[in-house]
Amino acid sequence: MKSLKISLVFMAYMLWANYGAQAQTASSTSTAVIVQPISIYSFGSVLNFGAFTPDPLNPSTLTLTPESSTSASKDYASNLILHEYSDRAAGSFYVEGAPGAAFIVSLPESATLTNENTDTMTVTDFTVAEAYTFYDEFESTNVFNIDDDGELPILVAGTLNIGAAQPSGNYSGNYLVTVNYQ
């Protein structure tokens, strides 16, 4: 009788173990969205401070802003002479990416302009604005949204730091504008 009892208990355990060991499954959905990489390229105008004659005794600054890129303001403590025959313009860029996506623009702290004789001037206080919308209300920000067509034009400007009796010449240099999805 003892062995029958052990056999019944063993068989009950085996039935339970086989029932409990049955695999259970469930399904779920997995998704992913691949967003096109954000890109930026320069088009149209370059950041151009135009032509001027420096103050012979004092350093000066010449500031361009995105919303008034065809005019300039100067440091009124100096005798900097702006020549109006020369165009002034903010640098223009196109940003392309996912429609409606937010992105941030990173600007350099400074950039150096050099002439043919290796004389230099620096550009500082870079600013950026969305092109064509600043006429309504200019807002200083570095965060923008790509439009429904997947692009957004932006303008970049800054302040040129001019030395006293800055040597004449044609000055040029590069600056980097970086965009990243926010």
N, C-alpha and C. Protein backbone atom coordinates (compact mmCIF):
# COMPACT_ATOMS: atom_id res chain seq x y z
N MET A 1 0.81 -1.16 0.00
CA MET A 1 0.00 0.00 0.00
C MET A 1 0.87 1.25 0.00
N LYS A 2 1.98 1.16 0.72
CA LYS A 2 2.87 2.30 0.80
C LYS A 2 3.42 2.63 -0.59
N SER A 3 3.76 1.63 -1.37
CA SER A 3 4.32 1.88 -2.69
C SER A 3 3.26 2.40 -3.65
N LEU A 4 1.99 1.99 -3.49
CA LEU A 4 0.93 2.52 -4.31
C LEU A 4 0.70 3.99 -4.00
N LYS A 5 0.76 4.32 -2.73
CA LYS A 5 0.59 5.71 -2.30
C LYS A 5 1.71 6.58 -2.87
N ILE A 6 2.94 6.08 -2.82
CA ILE A 6 4.08 6.84 -3.36
C ILE A 6 3.93 6.97 -4.87
N SER A 7 3.48 5.92 -5.56
CA SER A 7 3.30 5.96 -7.00
C SER A 7 2.22 6.95 -7.39
N LEU A 8 1.11 7.02 -6.64
CA LEU A 8 0.05 7.98 -6.93
C LEU A 8 0.53 9.41 -6.72
N VAL A 9 1.26 9.62 -5.65
CA VAL A 9 1.81 10.96 -5.40
C VAL A 9 2.79 11.34 -6.50
N PHE A 10 3.65 10.40 -6.92
CA PHE A 10 4.62 10.65 -7.97
C PHE A 10 3.91 10.96 -9.29
N MET A 11 2.85 10.21 -9.62
CA MET A 11 2.09 10.43 -10.85
C MET A 11 1.38 11.79 -10.81
N ALA A 12 0.83 12.16 -9.68
CA ALA A 12 0.18 13.46 -9.55
C ALA A 12 1.20 14.58 -9.74
N TYR A 13 2.39 14.39 -9.16
CA TYR A 13 3.45 15.39 -9.32
C TYR A 13 3.85 15.50 -10.78
N MET A 14 3.98 14.42 -11.47
CA MET A 14 4.38 14.42 -12.88
C MET A 14 3.33 15.09 -13.74
N LEU A 15 2.06 14.83 -13.46
CA LEU A 15 0.99 15.49 -14.22
C LEU A 15 1.03 17.00 -13.99
N TRP A 16 1.21 17.38 -12.75
CA TRP A 16 1.28 18.81 -12.42
C TRP A 16 2.51 19.45 -13.05
N ALA A 17 3.65 18.80 -12.99
CA ALA A 17 4.90 19.32 -13.55
C ALA A 17 4.79 19.49 -15.06
N ASN A 18 4.16 18.50 -15.71
CA ASN A 18 4.00 18.61 -17.17
C ASN A 18 3.04 19.74 -17.52
N TYR A 19 1.99 19.90 -16.75
CA TYR A 19 1.03 20.97 -17.01
C TYR A 19 1.67 22.34 -16.75
N GLY A 20 2.39 22.47 -15.66
CA GLY A 20 3.03 23.74 -15.30
C GLY A 20 4.20 24.07 -16.21
N ALA A 21 4.76 23.14 -16.90
CA ALA A 21 5.92 23.37 -17.74
C ALA A 21 5.55 23.77 -19.15
N GLN A 22 4.26 23.84 -19.44
CA GLN A 22 3.87 24.21 -20.78
C GLN A 22 4.29 25.65 -21.06
N ALA A 23 4.83 25.89 -22.22
CA ALA A 23 5.29 27.23 -22.61
C ALA A 23 4.10 28.15 -22.85
N GLN A 24 4.25 29.38 -22.46
CA GLN A 24 3.22 30.38 -22.67
C GLN A 24 3.83 31.47 -23.58
N THR A 25 3.07 31.99 -24.51
CA THR A 25 3.57 33.03 -25.41
C THR A 25 2.59 34.18 -25.49
N ALA A 26 3.12 35.31 -25.82
CA ALA A 26 2.32 36.50 -26.08
C ALA A 26 3.04 37.28 -27.17
N SER A 27 2.31 38.07 -27.90
CA SER A 27 2.96 38.87 -28.94
C SER A 27 2.71 40.35 -28.66
N SER A 28 3.59 41.16 -29.20
CA SER A 28 3.50 42.60 -29.08
C SER A 28 4.05 43.21 -30.36
N THR A 29 3.83 44.48 -30.54
CA THR A 29 4.32 45.17 -31.72
C THR A 29 5.57 45.97 -31.38
N SER A 30 6.51 45.97 -32.27
CA SER A 30 7.73 46.76 -32.12
C SER A 30 7.76 47.78 -33.24
N THR A 31 8.11 49.03 -32.92
CA THR A 31 8.16 50.08 -33.94
C THR A 31 9.48 50.84 -33.85
N ALA A 32 9.81 51.51 -34.92
CA ALA A 32 10.98 52.39 -34.96
C ALA A 32 10.72 53.45 -36.02
N VAL A 33 11.25 54.63 -35.81
CA VAL A 33 11.15 55.70 -36.79
C VAL A 33 12.57 56.17 -37.10
N ILE A 34 12.92 56.14 -38.35
CA ILE A 34 14.22 56.65 -38.77
C ILE A 34 14.00 58.06 -39.30
N VAL A 35 14.65 59.01 -38.68
CA VAL A 35 14.52 60.42 -39.06
C VAL A 35 15.71 60.78 -39.94
N GLN A 36 15.44 61.47 -41.02
CA GLN A 36 16.53 61.87 -41.89
C GLN A 36 17.52 62.73 -41.12
N PRO A 37 18.80 62.60 -41.42
CA PRO A 37 19.80 63.41 -40.74
C PRO A 37 19.56 64.90 -41.01
N ILE A 38 19.88 65.71 -40.03
CA ILE A 38 19.78 67.16 -40.21
C ILE A 38 21.03 67.62 -40.95
N SER A 39 20.87 68.59 -41.83
CA SER A 39 22.01 69.11 -42.57
C SER A 39 21.89 70.62 -42.70
N ILE A 40 23.00 71.26 -42.96
CA ILE A 40 23.04 72.71 -43.14
C ILE A 40 24.01 73.01 -44.27
N TYR A 41 23.63 73.97 -45.09
CA TYR A 41 24.56 74.42 -46.13
C TYR A 41 24.38 75.92 -46.35
N SER A 42 25.47 76.55 -46.74
CA SER A 42 25.49 77.98 -47.00
C SER A 42 24.92 78.24 -48.38
N PHE A 43 24.13 79.29 -48.52
CA PHE A 43 23.61 79.68 -49.83
C PHE A 43 23.52 81.20 -49.87
N GLY A 44 23.50 81.74 -51.05
CA GLY A 44 23.29 83.19 -51.18
C GLY A 44 24.42 84.01 -50.61
N SER A 45 24.09 84.83 -49.63
CA SER A 45 25.05 85.81 -49.13
C SER A 45 25.97 85.25 -48.06
N VAL A 46 27.17 85.80 -48.04
CA VAL A 46 28.13 85.50 -46.98
C VAL A 46 28.03 86.61 -45.94
N LEU A 47 28.51 86.36 -44.74
CA LEU A 47 28.54 87.40 -43.71
C LEU A 47 29.51 88.48 -44.18
N ASN A 48 28.97 89.64 -44.55
CA ASN A 48 29.75 90.70 -45.18
C ASN A 48 29.57 92.00 -44.41
N PHE A 49 30.65 92.49 -43.82
CA PHE A 49 30.61 93.74 -43.07
C PHE A 49 30.81 94.96 -43.96
N GLY A 50 31.03 94.75 -45.23
CA GLY A 50 31.15 95.86 -46.17
C GLY A 50 32.48 96.57 -46.07
N ALA A 51 32.52 97.77 -46.66
CA ALA A 51 33.74 98.58 -46.68
C ALA A 51 33.63 99.71 -45.67
N PHE A 52 34.76 100.06 -45.07
CA PHE A 52 34.79 101.13 -44.08
C PHE A 52 36.22 101.63 -43.95
N THR A 53 36.36 102.80 -43.37
CA THR A 53 37.67 103.35 -43.03
C THR A 53 37.77 103.37 -41.51
N PRO A 54 38.79 102.73 -40.95
CA PRO A 54 38.88 102.64 -39.49
C PRO A 54 39.24 103.98 -38.84
N ASP A 55 38.91 104.11 -37.58
CA ASP A 55 39.33 105.25 -36.76
C ASP A 55 40.84 105.16 -36.62
N PRO A 56 41.57 106.24 -36.89
CA PRO A 56 43.03 106.16 -36.79
C PRO A 56 43.54 106.07 -35.36
N LEU A 57 42.72 106.44 -34.36
CA LEU A 57 43.20 106.47 -32.98
C LEU A 57 42.53 105.46 -32.04
N ASN A 58 41.33 105.04 -32.34
CA ASN A 58 40.57 104.20 -31.41
C ASN A 58 40.08 102.91 -32.06
N PRO A 59 40.06 101.84 -31.29
CA PRO A 59 39.44 100.62 -31.81
C PRO A 59 37.93 100.85 -31.97
N SER A 60 37.31 100.08 -32.85
CA SER A 60 35.88 100.24 -33.15
C SER A 60 35.22 98.88 -33.25
N THR A 61 33.91 98.90 -33.19
CA THR A 61 33.13 97.70 -33.49
C THR A 61 32.10 98.04 -34.55
N LEU A 62 31.79 97.07 -35.37
CA LEU A 62 30.79 97.22 -36.41
C LEU A 62 29.85 96.02 -36.28
N THR A 63 28.58 96.26 -35.98
CA THR A 63 27.65 95.17 -35.70
C THR A 63 26.60 95.04 -36.79
N LEU A 64 26.46 93.82 -37.28
CA LEU A 64 25.37 93.45 -38.18
C LEU A 64 24.44 92.54 -37.40
N THR A 65 23.14 92.70 -37.61
CA THR A 65 22.16 91.80 -37.01
C THR A 65 21.39 91.12 -38.13
N PRO A 66 20.85 89.95 -37.87
CA PRO A 66 20.11 89.26 -38.93
C PRO A 66 18.94 90.08 -39.47
N GLU A 67 18.23 90.78 -38.61
CA GLU A 67 17.04 91.49 -39.08
C GLU A 67 17.36 92.80 -39.78
N SER A 68 18.56 93.31 -39.64
CA SER A 68 18.94 94.54 -40.36
C SER A 68 20.24 94.30 -41.09
N SER A 69 20.27 93.24 -41.84
CA SER A 69 21.53 92.82 -42.45
C SER A 69 22.04 93.77 -43.52
N THR A 70 21.21 94.66 -44.01
CA THR A 70 21.70 95.58 -45.04
C THR A 70 22.20 96.89 -44.45
N SER A 71 22.14 97.02 -43.13
CA SER A 71 22.70 98.21 -42.49
C SER A 71 23.59 97.77 -41.35
N ALA A 72 24.32 98.69 -40.81
CA ALA A 72 25.23 98.36 -39.72
C ALA A 72 25.18 99.45 -38.67
N SER A 73 25.45 99.06 -37.45
CA SER A 73 25.60 100.06 -36.40
C SER A 73 27.05 100.02 -35.95
N LYS A 74 27.57 101.16 -35.62
CA LYS A 74 28.97 101.23 -35.21
C LYS A 74 29.05 101.77 -33.80
N ASP A 75 30.19 101.57 -33.21
CA ASP A 75 30.48 102.10 -31.89
C ASP A 75 30.63 103.61 -32.06
N TYR A 76 29.72 104.38 -31.48
CA TYR A 76 29.72 105.83 -31.72
C TYR A 76 30.85 106.58 -31.03
N ALA A 77 31.64 105.89 -30.23
CA ALA A 77 32.80 106.53 -29.62
C ALA A 77 33.95 106.62 -30.62
N SER A 78 33.82 105.96 -31.74
CA SER A 78 34.91 105.96 -32.72
C SER A 78 34.54 106.82 -33.92
N ASN A 79 35.53 107.07 -34.74
CA ASN A 79 35.35 107.81 -35.99
C ASN A 79 35.41 106.86 -37.18
N LEU A 80 34.84 105.69 -37.02
CA LEU A 80 34.77 104.72 -38.10
C LEU A 80 33.86 105.28 -39.19
N ILE A 81 34.30 105.22 -40.43
CA ILE A 81 33.52 105.74 -41.55
C ILE A 81 33.00 104.55 -42.36
N LEU A 82 31.68 104.44 -42.45
CA LEU A 82 31.08 103.37 -43.23
C LEU A 82 30.88 103.85 -44.67
N HIS A 83 31.31 103.04 -45.63
CA HIS A 83 31.14 103.38 -47.04
C HIS A 83 29.89 102.68 -47.55
N GLU A 84 28.91 103.47 -47.92
CA GLU A 84 27.59 102.94 -48.29
C GLU A 84 27.56 102.27 -49.66
N TYR A 85 28.58 102.45 -50.48
CA TYR A 85 28.60 101.81 -51.78
C TYR A 85 28.80 100.30 -51.66
N SER A 86 29.22 99.83 -50.51
CA SER A 86 29.53 98.42 -50.32
C SER A 86 28.38 97.71 -49.62
N ASP A 87 28.00 96.56 -50.14
CA ASP A 87 26.92 95.78 -49.54
C ASP A 87 27.33 95.21 -48.19
N ARG A 88 26.35 95.13 -47.31
CA ARG A 88 26.51 94.45 -46.04
C ARG A 88 25.40 93.42 -45.96
N ALA A 89 25.70 92.24 -45.42
CA ALA A 89 24.67 91.20 -45.36
C ALA A 89 25.01 90.17 -44.30
N ALA A 90 23.96 89.61 -43.72
CA ALA A 90 24.13 88.46 -42.84
C ALA A 90 24.44 87.25 -43.71
N GLY A 91 25.10 86.27 -43.11
CA GLY A 91 25.34 85.01 -43.82
C GLY A 91 24.06 84.20 -43.87
N SER A 92 23.77 83.60 -45.00
CA SER A 92 22.52 82.85 -45.15
C SER A 92 22.80 81.35 -45.29
N PHE A 93 21.95 80.57 -44.62
CA PHE A 93 22.09 79.11 -44.59
C PHE A 93 20.72 78.47 -44.75
N TYR A 94 20.70 77.26 -45.28
CA TYR A 94 19.50 76.42 -45.30
C TYR A 94 19.75 75.23 -44.38
N VAL A 95 18.76 74.97 -43.53
CA VAL A 95 18.79 73.78 -42.68
C VAL A 95 17.74 72.83 -43.24
N GLU A 96 18.11 71.57 -43.44
CA GLU A 96 17.17 70.57 -43.94
C GLU A 96 17.10 69.42 -42.95
N GLY A 97 15.87 68.89 -42.78
CA GLY A 97 15.69 67.78 -41.85
C GLY A 97 14.25 67.34 -41.82
N ALA A 98 13.88 66.68 -40.75
CA ALA A 98 12.52 66.13 -40.59
C ALA A 98 11.52 67.28 -40.43
N PRO A 99 10.48 67.31 -41.23
CA PRO A 99 9.48 68.38 -41.12
C PRO A 99 8.92 68.49 -39.69
N GLY A 100 8.91 69.73 -39.18
CA GLY A 100 8.38 70.00 -37.85
C GLY A 100 9.34 69.76 -36.71
N ALA A 101 10.50 69.17 -36.98
CA ALA A 101 11.45 68.85 -35.90
C ALA A 101 12.12 70.11 -35.37
N ALA A 102 12.35 70.12 -34.07
CA ALA A 102 13.06 71.24 -33.43
C ALA A 102 14.56 70.98 -33.55
N PHE A 103 15.30 72.06 -33.75
CA PHE A 103 16.76 71.95 -33.80
C PHE A 103 17.37 73.16 -33.11
N ILE A 104 18.62 73.00 -32.71
CA ILE A 104 19.36 74.07 -32.05
C ILE A 104 20.55 74.45 -32.92
N VAL A 105 20.84 75.75 -32.97
CA VAL A 105 21.97 76.27 -33.73
C VAL A 105 23.07 76.64 -32.76
N SER A 106 24.26 76.12 -32.98
CA SER A 106 25.43 76.47 -32.17
C SER A 106 26.33 77.36 -33.01
N LEU A 107 26.69 78.50 -32.41
CA LEU A 107 27.52 79.49 -33.11
C LEU A 107 28.89 79.57 -32.44
N PRO A 108 29.90 79.98 -33.17
CA PRO A 108 31.23 80.09 -32.57
C PRO A 108 31.32 81.28 -31.61
N GLU A 109 32.26 81.21 -30.70
CA GLU A 109 32.52 82.36 -29.83
C GLU A 109 33.19 83.48 -30.61
N SER A 110 34.05 83.09 -31.54
CA SER A 110 34.73 84.10 -32.36
C SER A 110 35.24 83.45 -33.64
N ALA A 111 35.58 84.31 -34.58
CA ALA A 111 36.20 83.88 -35.84
C ALA A 111 37.21 84.95 -36.23
N THR A 112 38.23 84.55 -36.92
CA THR A 112 39.29 85.48 -37.31
C THR A 112 39.25 85.75 -38.80
N LEU A 113 39.32 87.03 -39.15
CA LEU A 113 39.44 87.45 -40.54
C LEU A 113 40.89 87.89 -40.75
N THR A 114 41.47 87.49 -41.87
CA THR A 114 42.87 87.80 -42.16
C THR A 114 42.97 88.42 -43.55
N ASN A 115 43.85 89.42 -43.70
CA ASN A 115 44.07 89.99 -45.03
C ASN A 115 45.30 89.38 -45.68
N GLU A 116 45.64 89.85 -46.86
CA GLU A 116 46.77 89.31 -47.62
C GLU A 116 48.12 89.53 -46.93
N ASN A 117 48.19 90.46 -45.96
CA ASN A 117 49.43 90.71 -45.22
C ASN A 117 49.41 90.05 -43.84
N THR A 118 48.47 89.16 -43.60
CA THR A 118 48.25 88.44 -42.35
C THR A 118 47.82 89.33 -41.18
N ASP A 119 47.31 90.53 -41.47
CA ASP A 119 46.69 91.35 -40.42
C ASP A 119 45.35 90.71 -40.10
N THR A 120 44.90 90.83 -38.86
CA THR A 120 43.67 90.14 -38.46
C THR A 120 42.66 91.07 -37.77
N MET A 121 41.40 90.65 -37.82
CA MET A 121 40.29 91.22 -37.04
C MET A 121 39.47 90.02 -36.57
N THR A 122 38.72 90.19 -35.51
CA THR A 122 37.88 89.09 -35.04
C THR A 122 36.40 89.46 -35.14
N VAL A 123 35.60 88.42 -35.34
CA VAL A 123 34.15 88.55 -35.30
C VAL A 123 33.69 87.85 -34.02
N THR A 124 32.86 88.52 -33.23
CA THR A 124 32.34 87.97 -31.99
C THR A 124 30.83 88.20 -31.93
N ASP A 125 30.23 87.77 -30.85
CA ASP A 125 28.80 88.00 -30.60
C ASP A 125 27.93 87.60 -31.79
N PHE A 126 28.15 86.39 -32.28
CA PHE A 126 27.34 85.88 -33.38
C PHE A 126 25.88 85.76 -32.94
N THR A 127 24.96 86.06 -33.86
CA THR A 127 23.53 85.90 -33.62
C THR A 127 22.90 85.19 -34.81
N VAL A 128 21.74 84.60 -34.58
CA VAL A 128 21.05 83.86 -35.64
C VAL A 128 19.56 84.16 -35.56
N ALA A 129 18.92 84.16 -36.72
CA ALA A 129 17.46 84.36 -36.79
C ALA A 129 16.93 83.57 -37.98
N GLU A 130 15.66 83.20 -37.87
CA GLU A 130 14.99 82.56 -39.00
C GLU A 130 14.80 83.61 -40.08
N ALA A 131 15.17 83.29 -41.30
CA ALA A 131 15.02 84.24 -42.40
C ALA A 131 13.55 84.49 -42.68
N TYR A 132 13.23 85.69 -43.07
CA TYR A 132 11.90 86.12 -43.53
C TYR A 132 10.85 86.28 -42.44
N THR A 133 11.11 85.84 -41.21
CA THR A 133 10.09 86.01 -40.17
C THR A 133 10.45 87.11 -39.19
N PHE A 134 11.69 87.56 -39.21
CA PHE A 134 12.12 88.55 -38.22
C PHE A 134 11.50 89.92 -38.47
N TYR A 135 10.90 90.13 -39.64
CA TYR A 135 10.28 91.43 -39.90
C TYR A 135 9.09 91.65 -38.96
N ASP A 136 8.39 90.56 -38.62
CA ASP A 136 7.25 90.68 -37.71
C ASP A 136 7.71 90.93 -36.29
N GLU A 137 8.57 90.07 -35.80
CA GLU A 137 9.06 90.21 -34.43
C GLU A 137 10.34 89.41 -34.30
N PHE A 138 11.44 90.09 -34.09
CA PHE A 138 12.72 89.40 -33.95
C PHE A 138 12.84 88.87 -32.54
N GLU A 139 13.16 87.60 -32.43
CA GLU A 139 13.36 86.99 -31.13
C GLU A 139 14.73 86.34 -31.13
N SER A 140 15.54 86.71 -30.17
CA SER A 140 16.87 86.14 -30.07
C SER A 140 16.79 84.75 -29.47
N THR A 141 17.01 83.76 -30.29
CA THR A 141 16.95 82.36 -29.85
C THR A 141 17.87 81.54 -30.73
N ASN A 142 18.23 80.38 -30.27
CA ASN A 142 19.02 79.47 -31.09
C ASN A 142 18.25 78.19 -31.36
N VAL A 143 16.95 78.17 -31.01
CA VAL A 143 16.11 76.99 -31.21
C VAL A 143 15.04 77.31 -32.25
N PHE A 144 14.92 76.47 -33.25
CA PHE A 144 13.99 76.69 -34.36
C PHE A 144 13.28 75.38 -34.70
N ASN A 145 12.26 75.47 -35.55
CA ASN A 145 11.58 74.29 -36.06
C ASN A 145 11.65 74.28 -37.57
N ILE A 146 11.98 73.11 -38.10
CA ILE A 146 12.02 72.94 -39.54
C ILE A 146 10.58 73.03 -40.06
N ASP A 147 10.38 73.69 -41.20
CA ASP A 147 9.02 73.87 -41.71
C ASP A 147 8.46 72.57 -42.30
N ASP A 148 7.23 72.63 -42.75
CA ASP A 148 6.54 71.43 -43.26
C ASP A 148 7.17 70.87 -44.53
N ASP A 149 7.98 71.68 -45.21
CA ASP A 149 8.67 71.21 -46.41
C ASP A 149 10.01 70.57 -46.10
N GLY A 150 10.40 70.54 -44.81
CA GLY A 150 11.66 69.92 -44.42
C GLY A 150 12.86 70.82 -44.53
N GLU A 151 12.65 72.14 -44.50
CA GLU A 151 13.79 73.06 -44.59
C GLU A 151 13.48 74.34 -43.82
N LEU A 152 14.51 75.08 -43.52
CA LEU A 152 14.33 76.38 -42.88
C LEU A 152 15.55 77.25 -43.19
N PRO A 153 15.35 78.42 -43.79
CA PRO A 153 16.46 79.33 -44.02
C PRO A 153 16.75 80.12 -42.74
N ILE A 154 18.02 80.28 -42.42
CA ILE A 154 18.43 81.08 -41.26
C ILE A 154 19.49 82.08 -41.69
N LEU A 155 19.62 83.15 -40.91
CA LEU A 155 20.63 84.19 -41.16
C LEU A 155 21.53 84.31 -39.94
N VAL A 156 22.83 84.49 -40.18
CA VAL A 156 23.82 84.60 -39.10
C VAL A 156 24.55 85.92 -39.26
N ALA A 157 24.70 86.64 -38.15
CA ALA A 157 25.41 87.92 -38.16
C ALA A 157 26.30 88.00 -36.92
N GLY A 158 26.97 89.12 -36.74
CA GLY A 158 27.87 89.27 -35.59
C GLY A 158 28.46 90.65 -35.52
N THR A 159 29.47 90.77 -34.67
CA THR A 159 30.16 92.04 -34.45
C THR A 159 31.62 91.92 -34.87
N LEU A 160 32.04 92.85 -35.73
CA LEU A 160 33.44 92.90 -36.19
C LEU A 160 34.20 93.84 -35.26
N ASN A 161 35.32 93.35 -34.74
CA ASN A 161 36.18 94.13 -33.84
C ASN A 161 37.37 94.66 -34.65
N ILE A 162 37.43 95.98 -34.78
CA ILE A 162 38.39 96.65 -35.66
C ILE A 162 39.41 97.38 -34.81
N GLY A 163 40.67 97.17 -35.09
CA GLY A 163 41.73 97.84 -34.35
C GLY A 163 41.88 99.30 -34.76
N ALA A 164 42.47 100.10 -33.88
CA ALA A 164 42.79 101.48 -34.23
C ALA A 164 43.76 101.45 -35.41
N ALA A 165 43.49 102.27 -36.43
CA ALA A 165 44.32 102.31 -37.63
C ALA A 165 44.51 100.91 -38.23
N GLN A 166 43.44 100.12 -38.22
CA GLN A 166 43.49 98.77 -38.78
C GLN A 166 44.04 98.83 -40.20
N PRO A 167 45.06 98.02 -40.52
CA PRO A 167 45.64 98.06 -41.86
C PRO A 167 44.60 97.73 -42.94
N SER A 168 44.73 98.39 -44.07
CA SER A 168 43.79 98.17 -45.17
C SER A 168 44.04 96.81 -45.81
N GLY A 169 43.08 96.36 -46.57
CA GLY A 169 43.19 95.08 -47.27
C GLY A 169 41.84 94.40 -47.35
N ASN A 170 41.82 93.28 -48.05
CA ASN A 170 40.62 92.45 -48.15
C ASN A 170 40.73 91.33 -47.11
N TYR A 171 39.87 91.37 -46.11
CA TYR A 171 39.90 90.41 -45.02
C TYR A 171 38.86 89.32 -45.26
N SER A 172 39.23 88.10 -44.94
CA SER A 172 38.27 87.00 -45.03
C SER A 172 38.64 85.92 -44.02
N GLY A 173 37.69 85.08 -43.74
CA GLY A 173 37.90 83.97 -42.81
C GLY A 173 36.65 83.12 -42.75
N ASN A 174 36.74 82.01 -42.09
CA ASN A 174 35.62 81.07 -41.99
C ASN A 174 35.08 81.03 -40.57
N TYR A 175 33.82 80.66 -40.46
CA TYR A 175 33.21 80.41 -39.16
C TYR A 175 32.29 79.20 -39.30
N LEU A 176 32.11 78.47 -38.23
CA LEU A 176 31.31 77.26 -38.28
C LEU A 176 29.96 77.46 -37.61
N VAL A 177 28.92 77.01 -38.26
CA VAL A 177 27.56 77.01 -37.71
C VAL A 177 27.16 75.53 -37.64
N THR A 178 26.76 75.08 -36.46
CA THR A 178 26.41 73.69 -36.26
C THR A 178 24.93 73.57 -35.90
N VAL A 179 24.25 72.59 -36.46
CA VAL A 179 22.83 72.35 -36.13
C VAL A 179 22.69 70.91 -35.65
N ASN A 180 21.83 70.74 -34.64
CA ASN A 180 21.52 69.41 -34.10
C ASN A 180 20.05 69.36 -33.74
N TYR A 181 19.43 68.21 -33.93
CA TYR A 181 18.07 68.04 -33.46
C TYR A 181 18.05 68.26 -31.94
N GLN A 182 16.98 68.84 -31.48
CA GLN A 182 16.87 69.06 -30.04
C GLN A 182 16.12 67.92 -29.40
